[in-house]
Amino acid sequence: MPLLGADAAEPRANRSVAFDFLVDDVDAVHAALAGTVDLVQGPTDLPWGNRSLLFRDPDGNLVNFFSPATAEARDRFGV
């Protein structure tokens, strides 16, 4: 971050950005990360057809790992 300026970033200050990652199996990712991340929400089926896992990275960013859980959601993502 020094290349962007002395005050360009502040650790753990971001609460407005979420990073989304499409994964094959949310439950497997949850098992692999258990106890190592700041869990926000365990694996959950969402109304629009995705299964999602939410946690915060060390800088406080929200990270979402998701998998399409319904046929409609899989079609939307081409999987």
PDB file of N, CA and C in Angstrom:
ATOM      1  N   MET A   1       0.794  -1.199   0.000  1.00  0.00           N
ATOM      2  CA  MET A   1       0.000   0.000   0.000  1.00  0.00           C
ATOM      3  C   MET A   1       0.842   1.271   0.000  1.00  0.00           C
ATOM      4  N   PRO A   2       2.095   1.256   0.423  1.00  0.00           N
ATOM      5  CA  PRO A   2       2.875   2.489   0.407  1.00  0.00           C
ATOM      6  C   PRO A   2       2.940   3.146  -0.969  1.00  0.00           C
ATOM      7  N   LEU A   3       2.864   2.357  -2.037  1.00  0.00           N
ATOM      8  CA  LEU A   3       2.906   2.935  -3.382  1.00  0.00           C
ATOM      9  C   LEU A   3       1.696   3.815  -3.662  1.00  0.00           C
ATOM     10  N   LEU A   4       0.587   3.602  -2.945  1.00  0.00           N
ATOM     11  CA  LEU A   4      -0.633   4.381  -3.156  1.00  0.00           C
ATOM     12  C   LEU A   4      -0.713   5.602  -2.260  1.00  0.00           C
ATOM     13  N   GLY A   5       0.207   5.740  -1.351  1.00  0.00           N
ATOM     14  CA  GLY A   5       0.209   6.870  -0.433  1.00  0.00           C
ATOM     15  C   GLY A   5       0.164   6.392   1.002  1.00  0.00           C
ATOM     16  N   ALA A   6       0.663   7.204   1.910  1.00  0.00           N
ATOM     17  CA  ALA A   6       0.801   6.812   3.310  1.00  0.00           C
ATOM     18  C   ALA A   6      -0.519   6.433   3.963  1.00  0.00           C
ATOM     19  N   ASP A   7      -1.602   7.097   3.625  1.00  0.00           N
ATOM     20  CA  ASP A   7      -2.894   6.826   4.262  1.00  0.00           C
ATOM     21  C   ASP A   7      -3.912   6.227   3.290  1.00  0.00           C
ATOM     22  N   ALA A   8      -3.438   5.547   2.258  1.00  0.00           N
ATOM     23  CA  ALA A   8      -4.355   5.003   1.248  1.00  0.00           C
ATOM     24  C   ALA A   8      -5.242   3.895   1.790  1.00  0.00           C
ATOM     25  N   ALA A   9      -4.764   3.149   2.766  1.00  0.00           N
ATOM     26  CA  ALA A   9      -5.553   2.051   3.316  1.00  0.00           C
ATOM     27  C   ALA A   9      -5.406   2.015   4.829  1.00  0.00           C
ATOM     28  N   GLU A  10      -6.467   1.570   5.465  1.00  0.00           N
ATOM     29  CA  GLU A  10      -6.447   1.415   6.916  1.00  0.00           C
ATOM     30  C   GLU A  10      -6.915   0.005   7.248  1.00  0.00           C
ATOM     31  N   PRO A  11      -6.086  -0.807   7.888  1.00  0.00           N
ATOM     32  CA  PRO A  11      -6.469  -2.179   8.207  1.00  0.00           C
ATOM     33  C   PRO A  11      -7.758  -2.239   9.009  1.00  0.00           C
ATOM     34  N   ARG A  12      -8.574  -3.252   8.689  1.00  0.00           N
ATOM     35  CA  ARG A  12      -9.815  -3.573   9.394  1.00  0.00           C
ATOM     36  C   ARG A  12     -10.833  -2.443   9.387  1.00  0.00           C
ATOM     37  N   ALA A  13     -10.771  -1.546   8.413  1.00  0.00           N
ATOM     38  CA  ALA A  13     -11.715  -0.436   8.367  1.00  0.00           C
ATOM     39  C   ALA A  13     -12.797  -0.638   7.317  1.00  0.00           C
ATOM     40  N   ASN A  14     -12.668  -1.631   6.468  1.00  0.00           N
ATOM     41  CA  ASN A  14     -13.581  -1.780   5.347  1.00  0.00           C
ATOM     42  C   ASN A  14     -14.778  -2.636   5.729  1.00  0.00           C
ATOM     43  N   ARG A  15     -15.955  -2.066   5.655  1.00  0.00           N
ATOM     44  CA  ARG A  15     -17.184  -2.806   5.919  1.00  0.00           C
ATOM     45  C   ARG A  15     -18.164  -2.645   4.762  1.00  0.00           C
ATOM     46  N   SER A  16     -17.687  -2.241   3.585  1.00  0.00           N
ATOM     47  CA  SER A  16     -18.598  -1.981   2.474  1.00  0.00           C
ATOM     48  C   SER A  16     -18.282  -2.793   1.223  1.00  0.00           C
ATOM     49  N   VAL A  17     -17.269  -3.628   1.261  1.00  0.00           N
ATOM     50  CA  VAL A  17     -16.876  -4.417   0.098  1.00  0.00           C
ATOM     51  C   VAL A  17     -17.025  -5.891   0.436  1.00  0.00           C
ATOM     52  N   ALA A  18     -17.536  -6.656  -0.525  1.00  0.00           N
ATOM     53  CA  ALA A  18     -17.598  -8.113  -0.359  1.00  0.00           C
ATOM     54  C   ALA A  18     -16.948  -8.750  -1.579  1.00  0.00           C
ATOM     55  N   PHE A  19     -16.130  -9.737  -1.343  1.00  0.00           N
ATOM     56  CA  PHE A  19     -15.511 -10.504  -2.418  1.00  0.00           C
ATOM     57  C   PHE A  19     -16.278 -11.809  -2.546  1.00  0.00           C
ATOM     58  N   ASP A  20     -16.709 -12.135  -3.755  1.00  0.00           N
ATOM     59  CA  ASP A  20     -17.485 -13.350  -4.016  1.00  0.00           C
ATOM     60  C   ASP A  20     -16.656 -14.324  -4.831  1.00  0.00           C
ATOM     61  N   PHE A  21     -16.637 -15.587  -4.383  1.00  0.00           N
ATOM     62  CA  PHE A  21     -15.896 -16.627  -5.075  1.00  0.00           C
ATOM     63  C   PHE A  21     -16.806 -17.832  -5.302  1.00  0.00           C
ATOM     64  N   LEU A  22     -16.943 -18.225  -6.547  1.00  0.00           N
ATOM     65  CA  LEU A  22     -17.690 -19.417  -6.908  1.00  0.00           C
ATOM     66  C   LEU A  22     -16.816 -20.634  -6.613  1.00  0.00           C
ATOM     67  N   VAL A  23     -17.330 -21.570  -5.801  1.00  0.00           N
ATOM     68  CA  VAL A  23     -16.587 -22.775  -5.442  1.00  0.00           C
ATOM     69  C   VAL A  23     -17.440 -23.997  -5.756  1.00  0.00           C
ATOM     70  N   ASP A  24     -16.807 -25.149  -5.858  1.00  0.00           N
ATOM     71  CA  ASP A  24     -17.531 -26.381  -6.155  1.00  0.00           C
ATOM     72  C   ASP A  24     -18.398 -26.844  -4.992  1.00  0.00           C
ATOM     73  N   ASP A  25     -17.904 -26.682  -3.757  1.00  0.00           N
ATOM     74  CA  ASP A  25     -18.595 -27.248  -2.603  1.00  0.00           C
ATOM     75  C   ASP A  25     -18.378 -26.359  -1.376  1.00  0.00           C
ATOM     76  N   VAL A  26     -19.386 -25.561  -1.046  1.00  0.00           N
ATOM     77  CA  VAL A  26     -19.305 -24.639   0.090  1.00  0.00           C
ATOM     78  C   VAL A  26     -19.021 -25.387   1.390  1.00  0.00           C
ATOM     79  N   ASP A  27     -19.656 -26.538   1.581  1.00  0.00           N
ATOM     80  CA  ASP A  27     -19.469 -27.275   2.823  1.00  0.00           C
ATOM     81  C   ASP A  27     -18.038 -27.791   2.974  1.00  0.00           C
ATOM     82  N   ALA A  28     -17.423 -28.196   1.884  1.00  0.00           N
ATOM     83  CA  ALA A  28     -16.028 -28.645   1.926  1.00  0.00           C
ATOM     84  C   ALA A  28     -15.099 -27.479   2.259  1.00  0.00           C
ATOM     85  N   VAL A  29     -15.373 -26.304   1.699  1.00  0.00           N
ATOM     86  CA  VAL A  29     -14.572 -25.118   2.008  1.00  0.00           C
ATOM     87  C   VAL A  29     -14.739 -24.766   3.482  1.00  0.00           C
ATOM     88  N   HIS A  30     -15.967 -24.833   3.975  1.00  0.00           N
ATOM     89  CA  HIS A  30     -16.222 -24.548   5.388  1.00  0.00           C
ATOM     90  C   HIS A  30     -15.420 -25.494   6.280  1.00  0.00           C
ATOM     91  N   ALA A  31     -15.437 -26.775   5.957  1.00  0.00           N
ATOM     92  CA  ALA A  31     -14.682 -27.757   6.747  1.00  0.00           C
ATOM     93  C   ALA A  31     -13.183 -27.458   6.713  1.00  0.00           C
ATOM     94  N   ALA A  32     -12.673 -27.044   5.558  1.00  0.00           N
ATOM     95  CA  ALA A  32     -11.241 -26.755   5.422  1.00  0.00           C
ATOM     96  C   ALA A  32     -10.830 -25.502   6.191  1.00  0.00           C
ATOM     97  N   LEU A  33     -11.740 -24.527   6.311  1.00  0.00           N
ATOM     98  CA  LEU A  33     -11.420 -23.258   6.963  1.00  0.00           C
ATOM     99  C   LEU A  33     -11.819 -23.209   8.436  1.00  0.00           C
ATOM    100  N   ALA A  34     -12.534 -24.213   8.907  1.00  0.00           N
ATOM    101  CA  ALA A  34     -13.072 -24.208  10.273  1.00  0.00           C
ATOM    102  C   ALA A  34     -11.982 -23.872  11.297  1.00  0.00           C
ATOM    103  N   GLY A  35     -12.281 -22.880  12.119  1.00  0.00           N
ATOM    104  CA  GLY A  35     -11.365 -22.479  13.176  1.00  0.00           C
ATOM    105  C   GLY A  35     -10.229 -21.581  12.741  1.00  0.00           C
ATOM    106  N   THR A  36     -10.151 -21.259  11.453  1.00  0.00           N
ATOM    107  CA  THR A  36      -9.035 -20.439  10.970  1.00  0.00           C
ATOM    108  C   THR A  36      -9.467 -19.070  10.465  1.00  0.00           C
ATOM    109  N   VAL A  37     -10.778 -18.826  10.378  1.00  0.00           N
ATOM    110  CA  VAL A  37     -11.277 -17.559   9.852  1.00  0.00           C
ATOM    111  C   VAL A  37     -12.292 -16.954  10.822  1.00  0.00           C
ATOM    112  N   ASP A  38     -12.562 -15.664  10.644  1.00  0.00           N
ATOM    113  CA  ASP A  38     -13.564 -14.946  11.423  1.00  0.00           C
ATOM    114  C   ASP A  38     -14.919 -15.188  10.748  1.00  0.00           C
ATOM    115  N   LEU A  39     -15.598 -16.248  11.160  1.00  0.00           N
ATOM    116  CA  LEU A  39     -16.849 -16.668  10.530  1.00  0.00           C
ATOM    117  C   LEU A  39     -17.955 -15.654  10.803  1.00  0.00           C
ATOM    118  N   VAL A  40     -18.660 -15.255   9.742  1.00  0.00           N
ATOM    119  CA  VAL A  40     -19.810 -14.362   9.849  1.00  0.00           C
ATOM    120  C   VAL A  40     -21.092 -15.181   9.781  1.00  0.00           C
ATOM    121  N   GLN A  41     -21.143 -16.116   8.823  1.00  0.00           N
ATOM    122  CA  GLN A  41     -22.317 -16.973   8.661  1.00  0.00           C
ATOM    123  C   GLN A  41     -21.876 -18.297   8.067  1.00  0.00           C
ATOM    124  N   GLY A  42     -22.222 -19.387   8.727  1.00  0.00           N
ATOM    125  CA  GLY A  42     -21.906 -20.714   8.214  1.00  0.00           C
ATOM    126  C   GLY A  42     -22.686 -21.011   6.950  1.00  0.00           C
ATOM    127  N   PRO A  43     -22.442 -22.162   6.344  1.00  0.00           N
ATOM    128  CA  PRO A  43     -23.122 -22.514   5.102  1.00  0.00           C
ATOM    129  C   PRO A  43     -24.642 -22.362   5.228  1.00  0.00           C
ATOM    130  N   THR A  44     -25.212 -21.594   4.307  1.00  0.00           N
ATOM    131  CA  THR A  44     -26.628 -21.253   4.327  1.00  0.00           C
ATOM    132  C   THR A  44     -27.190 -21.299   2.920  1.00  0.00           C
ATOM    133  N   ASP A  45     -28.388 -21.851   2.778  1.00  0.00           N
ATOM    134  CA  ASP A  45     -29.096 -21.833   1.493  1.00  0.00           C
ATOM    135  C   ASP A  45     -29.850 -20.509   1.384  1.00  0.00           C
ATOM    136  N   LEU A  46     -29.575 -19.773   0.312  1.00  0.00           N
ATOM    137  CA  LEU A  46     -30.170 -18.461   0.108  1.00  0.00           C
ATOM    138  C   LEU A  46     -31.372 -18.556  -0.824  1.00  0.00           C
ATOM    139  N   PRO A  47     -32.313 -17.607  -0.728  1.00  0.00           N
ATOM    140  CA  PRO A  47     -33.555 -17.675  -1.506  1.00  0.00           C
ATOM    141  C   PRO A  47     -33.355 -17.703  -3.021  1.00  0.00           C
ATOM    142  N   TRP A  48     -32.246 -17.173  -3.515  1.00  0.00           N
ATOM    143  CA  TRP A  48     -32.041 -17.123  -4.967  1.00  0.00           C
ATOM    144  C   TRP A  48     -31.305 -18.352  -5.495  1.00  0.00           C
ATOM    145  N   GLY A  49     -31.120 -19.386  -4.638  1.00  0.00           N
ATOM    146  CA  GLY A  49     -30.614 -20.663  -5.115  1.00  0.00           C
ATOM    147  C   GLY A  49     -29.157 -20.962  -4.861  1.00  0.00           C
ATOM    148  N   ASN A  50     -28.445 -20.068  -4.190  1.00  0.00           N
ATOM    149  CA  ASN A  50     -27.037 -20.323  -3.877  1.00  0.00           C
ATOM    150  C   ASN A  50     -26.889 -20.831  -2.449  1.00  0.00           C
ATOM    151  N   ARG A  51     -25.847 -21.593  -2.223  1.00  0.00           N
ATOM    152  CA  ARG A  51     -25.410 -21.949  -0.872  1.00  0.00           C
ATOM    153  C   ARG A  51     -24.179 -21.093  -0.609  1.00  0.00           C
ATOM    154  N   SER A  52     -24.135 -20.437   0.548  1.00  0.00           N
ATOM    155  CA  SER A  52     -23.134 -19.400   0.791  1.00  0.00           C
ATOM    156  C   SER A  52     -22.461 -19.573   2.145  1.00  0.00           C
ATOM    157  N   LEU A  53     -21.203 -19.175   2.211  1.00  0.00           N
ATOM    158  CA  LEU A  53     -20.397 -19.149   3.439  1.00  0.00           C
ATOM    159  C   LEU A  53     -19.753 -17.769   3.518  1.00  0.00           C
ATOM    160  N   LEU A  54     -19.938 -17.070   4.636  1.00  0.00           N
ATOM    161  CA  LEU A  54     -19.403 -15.721   4.789  1.00  0.00           C
ATOM    162  C   LEU A  54     -18.416 -15.647   5.943  1.00  0.00           C
ATOM    163  N   PHE A  55     -17.303 -14.975   5.698  1.00  0.00           N
ATOM    164  CA  PHE A  55     -16.337 -14.704   6.761  1.00  0.00           C
ATOM    165  C   PHE A  55     -15.633 -13.387   6.461  1.00  0.00           C
ATOM    166  N   ARG A  56     -14.859 -12.905   7.429  1.00  0.00           N
ATOM    167  CA  ARG A  56     -14.065 -11.689   7.220  1.00  0.00           C
ATOM    168  C   ARG A  56     -12.597 -12.067   7.103  1.00  0.00           C
ATOM    169  N   ASP A  57     -11.918 -11.431   6.157  1.00  0.00           N
ATOM    170  CA  ASP A  57     -10.479 -11.658   6.037  1.00  0.00           C
ATOM    171  C   ASP A  57      -9.772 -10.829   7.112  1.00  0.00           C
ATOM    172  N   PRO A  58      -8.456 -10.950   7.235  1.00  0.00           N
ATOM    173  CA  PRO A  58      -7.749 -10.226   8.300  1.00  0.00           C
ATOM    174  C   PRO A  58      -7.904  -8.711   8.249  1.00  0.00           C
ATOM    175  N   ASP A  59      -8.225  -8.151   7.082  1.00  0.00           N
ATOM    176  CA  ASP A  59      -8.431  -6.709   6.973  1.00  0.00           C
ATOM    177  C   ASP A  59      -9.879  -6.305   7.189  1.00  0.00           C
ATOM    178  N   GLY A  60     -10.754  -7.268   7.493  1.00  0.00           N
ATOM    179  CA  GLY A  60     -12.152  -6.959   7.756  1.00  0.00           C
ATOM    180  C   GLY A  60     -13.059  -7.012   6.551  1.00  0.00           C
ATOM    181  N   ASN A  61     -12.510  -7.340   5.378  1.00  0.00           N
ATOM    182  CA  ASN A  61     -13.345  -7.456   4.182  1.00  0.00           C
ATOM    183  C   ASN A  61     -14.246  -8.676   4.291  1.00  0.00           C
ATOM    184  N   LEU A  62     -15.466  -8.563   3.807  1.00  0.00           N
ATOM    185  CA  LEU A  62     -16.396  -9.673   3.791  1.00  0.00           C
ATOM    186  C   LEU A  62     -16.074 -10.560   2.592  1.00  0.00           C
ATOM    187  N   VAL A  63     -15.945 -11.863   2.838  1.00  0.00           N
ATOM    188  CA  VAL A  63     -15.634 -12.831   1.783  1.00  0.00           C
ATOM    189  C   VAL A  63     -16.775 -13.834   1.722  1.00  0.00           C
ATOM    190  N   ASN A  64     -17.306 -14.040   0.534  1.00  0.00           N
ATOM    191  CA  ASN A  64     -18.413 -14.952   0.304  1.00  0.00           C
ATOM    192  C   ASN A  64     -17.957 -16.063  -0.635  1.00  0.00           C
ATOM    193  N   PHE A  65     -17.959 -17.291  -0.145  1.00  0.00           N
ATOM    194  CA  PHE A  65     -17.782 -18.456  -1.010  1.00  0.00           C
ATOM    195  C   PHE A  65     -19.171 -18.997  -1.268  1.00  0.00           C
ATOM    196  N   PHE A  66     -19.508 -19.232  -2.538  1.00  0.00           N
ATOM    197  CA  PHE A  66     -20.846 -19.705  -2.849  1.00  0.00           C
ATOM    198  C   PHE A  66     -20.820 -20.772  -3.924  1.00  0.00           C
ATOM    199  N   SER A  67     -21.874 -21.598  -3.905  1.00  0.00           N
ATOM    200  CA  SER A  67     -22.097 -22.622  -4.928  1.00  0.00           C
ATOM    201  C   SER A  67     -23.562 -22.571  -5.327  1.00  0.00           C
ATOM    202  N   PRO A  68     -23.864 -22.658  -6.619  1.00  0.00           N
ATOM    203  CA  PRO A  68     -25.258 -22.757  -7.022  1.00  0.00           C
ATOM    204  C   PRO A  68     -25.844 -24.064  -6.487  1.00  0.00           C
ATOM    205  N   ALA A  69     -26.969 -23.970  -5.775  1.00  0.00           N
ATOM    206  CA  ALA A  69     -27.551 -25.141  -5.127  1.00  0.00           C
ATOM    207  C   ALA A  69     -28.800 -25.663  -5.822  1.00  0.00           C
ATOM    208  N   THR A  70     -29.372 -24.864  -6.702  1.00  0.00           N
ATOM    209  CA  THR A  70     -30.574 -25.292  -7.424  1.00  0.00           C
ATOM    210  C   THR A  70     -30.262 -25.367  -8.919  1.00  0.00           C
ATOM    211  N   ALA A  71     -31.114 -26.064  -9.649  1.00  0.00           N
ATOM    212  CA  ALA A  71     -30.924 -26.185 -11.101  1.00  0.00           C
ATOM    213  C   ALA A  71     -30.945 -24.808 -11.757  1.00  0.00           C
ATOM    214  N   GLU A  72     -31.841 -23.942 -11.324  1.00  0.00           N
ATOM    215  CA  GLU A  72     -31.921 -22.591 -11.891  1.00  0.00           C
ATOM    216  C   GLU A  72     -30.635 -21.808 -11.647  1.00  0.00           C
ATOM    217  N   ALA A  73     -30.099 -21.896 -10.439  1.00  0.00           N
ATOM    218  CA  ALA A  73     -28.857 -21.191 -10.119  1.00  0.00           C
ATOM    219  C   ALA A  73     -27.688 -21.773 -10.912  1.00  0.00           C
ATOM    220  N   ARG A  74     -27.631 -23.109 -11.052  1.00  0.00           N
ATOM    221  CA  ARG A  74     -26.556 -23.723 -11.844  1.00  0.00           C
ATOM    222  C   ARG A  74     -26.630 -23.273 -13.300  1.00  0.00           C
ATOM    223  N   ASP A  75     -27.845 -23.155 -13.854  1.00  0.00           N
ATOM    224  CA  ASP A  75     -28.000 -22.653 -15.220  1.00  0.00           C
ATOM    225  C   ASP A  75     -27.503 -21.226 -15.342  1.00  0.00           C
ATOM    226  N   ARG A  76     -27.793 -20.419 -14.332  1.00  0.00           N
ATOM    227  CA  ARG A  76     -27.383 -19.003 -14.350  1.00  0.00           C
ATOM    228  C   ARG A  76     -25.860 -18.871 -14.407  1.00  0.00           C
ATOM    229  N   PHE A  77     -25.148 -19.786 -13.752  1.00  0.00           N
ATOM    230  CA  PHE A  77     -23.695 -19.730 -13.726  1.00  0.00           C
ATOM    231  C   PHE A  77     -23.053 -20.671 -14.737  1.00  0.00           C
ATOM    232  N   GLY A  78     -23.856 -21.413 -15.476  1.00  0.00           N
ATOM    233  CA  GLY A  78     -23.313 -22.312 -16.489  1.00  0.00           C
ATOM    234  C   GLY A  78     -22.559 -23.486 -15.930  1.00  0.00           C
ATOM    235  N   VAL A  79     -22.985 -23.964 -14.766  1.00  0.00           N
ATOM    236  CA  VAL A  79     -22.310 -25.140 -14.163  1.00  0.00           C
ATOM    237  C   VAL A  79     -23.269 -26.309 -14.061  1.00  0.00           C
TER     238      VAL A  79
END
